[in-house]
N, C-alpha and C. Protein backbone atom coordinates (compact mmCIF):
# COMPACT_ATOMS: atom_id res chain seq x y z
N MET A 1 -25.95 -0.52 -1.93
CA MET A 1 -24.91 -0.71 -2.44
C MET A 1 -23.16 -0.94 -1.58
N ALA A 2 -22.52 -2.32 -2.16
CA ALA A 2 -21.92 -3.01 -1.79
C ALA A 2 -20.43 -1.71 -1.02
N ASN A 3 -20.04 -0.68 -2.77
CA ASN A 3 -18.76 -0.20 -2.77
C ASN A 3 -19.31 1.08 -1.98
N ASP A 4 -20.48 1.62 -2.35
CA ASP A 4 -20.55 3.49 -1.68
C ASP A 4 -19.75 4.66 -2.18
N GLY A 5 -18.80 4.29 -3.74
CA GLY A 5 -17.64 5.46 -3.39
C GLY A 5 -15.76 4.49 -3.28
N GLN A 6 -16.15 3.98 -2.23
CA GLN A 6 -15.10 2.81 -1.59
C GLN A 6 -14.08 2.63 -3.08
N VAL A 7 -12.18 2.69 -2.94
CA VAL A 7 -11.47 2.12 -3.90
C VAL A 7 -11.14 1.56 -3.16
N VAL A 8 -10.77 0.07 -3.51
CA VAL A 8 -9.81 -0.81 -2.96
C VAL A 8 -8.08 -0.97 -3.79
N LEU A 9 -7.48 -0.52 -3.18
CA LEU A 9 -6.10 -0.36 -4.52
C LEU A 9 -5.16 -1.58 -3.72
N ILE A 10 -5.18 -2.22 -5.30
CA ILE A 10 -3.31 -3.10 -4.41
C ILE A 10 -2.88 -2.58 -5.24
N ALA A 11 -1.60 -2.54 -4.63
CA ALA A 11 -0.25 -2.12 -4.85
C ALA A 11 1.05 -3.15 -4.32
N ARG A 12 1.91 -4.05 -5.83
CA ARG A 12 2.67 -5.07 -4.83
C ARG A 12 4.32 -3.65 -6.10
N LEU A 13 4.92 -4.52 -5.20
CA LEU A 13 6.29 -3.89 -4.63
C LEU A 13 7.26 -4.53 -5.15
N LYS A 14 8.42 -5.06 -5.95
CA LYS A 14 9.95 -6.47 -5.47
C LYS A 14 10.85 -5.23 -5.48
N VAL A 15 11.53 -5.33 -4.35
CA VAL A 15 12.78 -4.19 -4.07
C VAL A 15 14.26 -5.61 -4.24
N LYS A 16 15.13 -5.30 -4.54
CA LYS A 16 16.50 -6.47 -4.63
C LYS A 16 16.57 -7.51 -3.64
N LYS A 17 17.14 -8.24 -3.97
CA LYS A 17 16.99 -9.03 -1.92
C LYS A 17 17.81 -8.37 -1.65
N GLU A 18 18.83 -7.69 -1.73
CA GLU A 18 19.22 -7.74 -0.39
C GLU A 18 18.26 -6.65 0.79
N ALA A 19 17.96 -5.85 0.21
CA ALA A 19 16.94 -4.66 0.69
C ALA A 19 15.66 -4.91 1.37
N VAL A 20 15.64 -6.43 0.49
CA VAL A 20 14.20 -6.91 2.07
C VAL A 20 14.11 -6.75 2.70
N GLU A 21 15.33 -7.13 3.97
CA GLU A 21 14.81 -6.18 5.54
C GLU A 21 14.29 -5.17 5.60
N GLU A 22 15.18 -4.11 4.36
CA GLU A 22 15.15 -2.79 4.60
C GLU A 22 13.63 -2.26 4.36
N ALA A 23 13.70 -2.68 3.36
CA ALA A 23 11.67 -2.37 3.06
C ALA A 23 10.97 -2.43 3.46
N LYS A 24 11.18 -3.61 4.14
CA LYS A 24 10.14 -4.22 5.47
C LYS A 24 9.96 -3.97 6.37
N ARG A 25 10.96 -2.72 6.93
CA ARG A 25 10.91 -1.60 7.92
C ARG A 25 10.29 -0.45 7.55
N ALA A 26 11.18 0.20 6.25
CA ALA A 26 10.54 0.75 6.00
C ALA A 26 8.83 1.18 5.70
N ALA A 27 8.45 -0.35 5.17
CA ALA A 27 6.43 -0.25 5.04
C ALA A 27 5.75 -0.40 5.94
N LEU A 28 6.64 -1.25 7.22
CA LEU A 28 6.07 -1.68 8.15
C LEU A 28 5.74 0.52 9.05
N ALA A 29 6.94 0.64 9.39
CA ALA A 29 6.46 2.15 9.05
C ALA A 29 5.49 2.95 9.17
N ILE A 30 4.83 2.96 7.95
CA ILE A 30 3.83 4.00 7.72
C ILE A 30 2.87 2.45 7.54
N VAL A 31 2.24 1.87 8.21
CA VAL A 31 1.08 0.97 9.00
C VAL A 31 0.25 1.71 9.73
N GLU A 32 0.56 2.28 10.31
CA GLU A 32 0.16 2.65 11.54
C GLU A 32 -0.30 4.29 11.23
N PRO A 33 0.62 5.11 10.50
CA PRO A 33 0.28 6.23 9.79
C PRO A 33 -0.55 6.61 8.39
N SER A 34 -0.64 5.59 7.95
CA SER A 34 -1.30 5.10 7.23
C SER A 34 -3.47 4.64 7.40
N ARG A 35 -2.86 4.19 8.63
CA ARG A 35 -4.15 3.49 8.88
C ARG A 35 -4.96 4.79 9.76
N ASP A 36 -4.43 6.09 10.06
CA ASP A 36 -5.28 6.76 11.12
C ASP A 36 -5.54 7.89 9.95
N GLU A 37 -5.16 7.70 8.82
CA GLU A 37 -5.73 8.68 7.81
C GLU A 37 -6.57 8.97 7.98
N ALA A 38 -7.44 9.96 7.40
CA ALA A 38 -9.14 9.99 7.83
C ALA A 38 -9.75 9.07 7.07
N GLY A 39 -9.25 9.21 5.29
CA GLY A 39 -10.10 7.93 3.96
C GLY A 39 -9.69 7.03 4.24
N CYS A 40 -8.62 6.15 5.29
CA CYS A 40 -8.23 4.81 5.30
C CYS A 40 -9.85 4.19 5.34
N LEU A 41 -10.05 3.22 4.91
CA LEU A 41 -10.50 2.07 6.03
C LEU A 41 -10.33 0.52 6.10
N ASN A 42 -9.33 0.80 5.12
CA ASN A 42 -8.48 -1.25 5.37
C ASN A 42 -6.89 -0.50 4.87
N TYR A 43 -6.11 -1.55 5.96
CA TYR A 43 -4.64 -1.06 5.15
C TYR A 43 -3.85 -1.86 5.81
N ASP A 44 -3.58 -2.94 5.11
CA ASP A 44 -2.57 -4.09 5.34
C ASP A 44 -2.06 -5.00 4.19
N PHE A 45 -0.80 -4.54 4.83
CA PHE A 45 0.65 -5.56 4.16
C PHE A 45 0.85 -6.41 4.17
N HIS A 46 1.89 -6.87 3.14
CA HIS A 46 1.94 -8.88 2.99
C HIS A 46 3.18 -8.51 2.64
N GLN A 47 3.77 -9.82 3.03
CA GLN A 47 4.72 -9.80 1.54
C GLN A 47 4.56 -11.70 1.19
N THR A 48 5.02 -11.63 -0.05
CA THR A 48 5.12 -13.02 -0.46
C THR A 48 5.49 -13.92 0.02
N ILE A 49 5.08 -14.98 -0.08
CA ILE A 49 5.48 -16.96 0.42
C ILE A 49 6.80 -17.04 -0.84
N ASP A 50 6.52 -17.13 -1.79
CA ASP A 50 7.61 -17.48 -3.24
C ASP A 50 8.37 -16.71 -3.16
N ASP A 51 8.29 -15.87 -2.85
CA ASP A 51 9.30 -14.15 -3.35
C ASP A 51 9.48 -13.10 -1.73
N PRO A 52 10.54 -13.41 -0.89
CA PRO A 52 10.22 -12.29 0.09
C PRO A 52 10.81 -11.19 -0.26
N SER A 53 10.52 -11.10 -1.70
CA SER A 53 11.45 -9.47 -1.77
C SER A 53 10.05 -8.38 -3.32
N VAL A 54 8.90 -9.10 -2.68
CA VAL A 54 7.90 -9.29 -3.12
C VAL A 54 6.59 -8.48 -2.42
N PHE A 55 6.06 -7.49 -2.62
CA PHE A 55 5.81 -7.02 -1.23
C PHE A 55 4.49 -6.23 -1.86
N VAL A 56 3.20 -6.81 -1.25
CA VAL A 56 1.99 -6.31 -1.18
C VAL A 56 1.25 -5.68 -0.20
N TRP A 57 0.26 -4.74 -0.55
CA TRP A 57 -0.60 -3.92 0.40
C TRP A 57 -1.63 -3.93 -0.65
N HIS A 58 -2.86 -4.48 0.42
CA HIS A 58 -4.50 -4.31 0.28
C HIS A 58 -5.15 -3.43 0.97
N GLU A 59 -5.89 -2.34 0.04
CA GLU A 59 -5.98 -0.66 0.94
C GLU A 59 -7.69 -0.73 0.52
N THR A 60 -8.29 -0.32 1.01
CA THR A 60 -9.20 0.22 1.10
C THR A 60 -9.91 1.88 1.36
N TRP A 61 -10.36 2.17 0.86
CA TRP A 61 -10.47 4.06 0.84
C TRP A 61 -11.68 4.94 0.54
N ALA A 62 -11.74 5.04 1.61
CA ALA A 62 -13.41 5.85 1.08
C ALA A 62 -13.51 6.54 -0.36
N ASN A 63 -12.78 6.88 -0.87
CA ASN A 63 -12.48 7.59 -1.78
C ASN A 63 -11.80 8.01 -3.14
N GLN A 64 -11.39 8.08 -4.13
CA GLN A 64 -10.10 8.92 -4.69
C GLN A 64 -9.20 9.69 -4.63
N SER A 65 -10.74 10.57 -3.62
CA SER A 65 -9.61 11.77 -2.87
C SER A 65 -8.41 11.37 -1.38
N ALA A 66 -9.14 10.24 -0.94
CA ALA A 66 -8.27 9.99 0.77
C ALA A 66 -7.08 9.10 -0.73
N ILE A 67 -7.25 8.72 -1.12
CA ILE A 67 -6.09 8.42 -1.98
C ILE A 67 -4.42 9.12 -1.85
N GLU A 68 -5.64 9.99 -2.97
CA GLU A 68 -4.74 11.38 -3.74
C GLU A 68 -3.87 11.93 -1.76
N GLU A 69 -4.52 11.62 -1.22
CA GLU A 69 -3.87 12.31 -0.30
C GLU A 69 -2.95 11.90 0.59
N HIS A 70 -3.75 10.97 1.26
CA HIS A 70 -2.36 9.47 1.19
C HIS A 70 -0.94 9.65 0.51
N GLY A 71 -1.30 9.74 -0.95
CA GLY A 71 -0.03 9.53 -1.91
C GLY A 71 0.78 11.05 -0.68
N ASN A 72 -0.11 12.29 -0.95
CA ASN A 72 0.60 13.04 -0.72
C ASN A 72 0.69 13.37 0.72
N SER A 73 0.86 12.53 1.94
CA SER A 73 0.95 12.60 3.06
C SER A 73 2.65 12.52 3.26
N GLU A 74 3.22 12.84 4.57
CA GLU A 74 4.32 13.14 4.43
C GLU A 74 5.09 11.41 4.90
N HIS A 75 4.44 10.64 5.26
CA HIS A 75 5.26 9.31 5.96
C HIS A 75 5.35 8.53 4.81
N PHE A 76 4.52 9.03 3.50
CA PHE A 76 4.12 8.18 2.65
C PHE A 76 4.80 8.89 1.81
N LYS A 77 5.84 10.05 1.60
CA LYS A 77 6.61 10.58 1.14
C LYS A 77 7.83 9.74 1.94
N GLN A 78 8.10 10.04 2.74
CA GLN A 78 9.26 9.24 3.19
C GLN A 78 9.38 8.13 2.77
N PHE A 79 8.53 7.20 3.39
CA PHE A 79 8.15 5.56 2.36
C PHE A 79 8.96 5.56 1.09
N GLY A 80 8.27 6.91 0.52
CA GLY A 80 8.88 6.81 -1.76
C GLY A 80 10.44 7.18 -1.01
N LYS A 81 10.75 8.09 0.01
CA LYS A 81 12.29 7.49 0.30
C LYS A 81 13.84 7.46 0.17
N ALA A 82 12.86 6.47 1.43
CA ALA A 82 13.21 5.21 1.55
C ALA A 82 13.68 3.51 0.80
N ILE A 83 12.93 3.88 -0.39
CA ILE A 83 12.64 2.38 -0.75
C ILE A 83 13.72 3.00 -2.34
N GLU A 84 13.35 4.29 -2.44
CA GLU A 84 14.07 4.97 -4.41
C GLU A 84 15.26 3.86 -4.56
N ASN A 85 15.89 3.88 -3.77
CA ASN A 85 17.31 3.26 -4.79
C ASN A 85 17.78 1.45 -4.12
N ILE A 86 16.22 0.82 -3.90
CA ILE A 86 16.84 -0.48 -3.45
C ILE A 86 15.11 -1.59 -4.12
N VAL A 87 14.24 -0.67 -4.91
CA VAL A 87 13.59 -0.91 -6.01
C VAL A 87 13.50 -1.38 -6.57
N GLU A 88 13.48 -3.18 -7.31
CA GLU A 88 13.83 -4.05 -8.34
C GLU A 88 12.79 -3.54 -9.90
N GLU A 89 12.05 -3.42 -9.19
CA GLU A 89 10.53 -3.18 -10.56
C GLU A 89 9.53 -2.46 -10.33
N PRO A 90 9.62 -1.31 -11.43
CA PRO A 90 8.51 -0.48 -10.70
C PRO A 90 7.28 -1.01 -9.78
N LEU A 91 7.43 0.36 -8.68
CA LEU A 91 5.03 0.37 -8.28
C LEU A 91 4.22 -0.15 -9.01
N GLN A 92 3.34 -1.41 -8.96
CA GLN A 92 2.44 -2.07 -9.42
C GLN A 92 1.03 -1.46 -8.76
N LEU A 93 0.25 -0.17 -9.38
CA LEU A 93 -1.10 -0.42 -8.66
C LEU A 93 -2.65 -0.73 -9.50
N THR A 94 -3.00 -1.50 -8.86
CA THR A 94 -4.73 -1.52 -9.18
C THR A 94 -5.43 -0.93 -8.11
N PHE A 95 -6.45 -0.72 -9.11
CA PHE A 95 -7.43 0.19 -8.60
C PHE A 95 -8.96 -0.45 -9.08
N ALA A 96 -9.76 -0.75 -7.94
CA ALA A 96 -10.57 -1.58 -8.02
C ALA A 96 -12.10 -1.12 -7.28
N LYS A 97 -13.30 -1.51 -7.62
CA LYS A 97 -14.75 -1.47 -6.75
C LYS A 97 -14.88 -3.09 -5.79
N MET A 98 -15.19 -3.01 -5.07
CA MET A 98 -15.51 -4.05 -4.20
C MET A 98 -17.21 -4.16 -4.95
N VAL A 99 -17.54 -5.49 -5.68
CA VAL A 99 -18.97 -6.58 -6.68
C VAL A 99 -19.96 -7.06 -5.35
N SER A 100 -18.68 -7.63 -4.47
CA SER A 100 -19.94 -8.51 -3.81
C SER A 100 -19.72 -8.34 -2.45
N GLU A 101 -20.35 -8.27 -1.62
CA GLU A 101 -21.30 -7.53 -0.10
C GLU A 101 -20.68 -8.07 0.67
N LYS A 102 -18.83 -7.05 0.95
CA LYS A 102 -19.07 -8.00 2.64
C LYS A 102 -19.22 -9.05 3.13
N ALA A 103 -18.09 -9.49 3.47
CA ALA A 103 -18.64 -11.09 4.30
C ALA A 103 -18.56 -10.22 6.00
């Protein structure tokens, strides 16, 4: 089976234009600790080309419990505090399961 219970999370965050670099630093600071989590299979952070104030994460987790553990991790909580006053639009989360075979 292509997904074996894995969950793909696509997250989108728009921050205030004057806070782009601050948000980027905060997000980059949690990439490695997130990748080191036991349930993390993939954790990539992106910045959109047409609007640098929009960031997108593409994450793959072993299961829903792993995502919940990530959300409760100290580094993720610190990230939330770091960006709480610079968010322009609410965080958008999309949960998906891969239906194709992995390339």
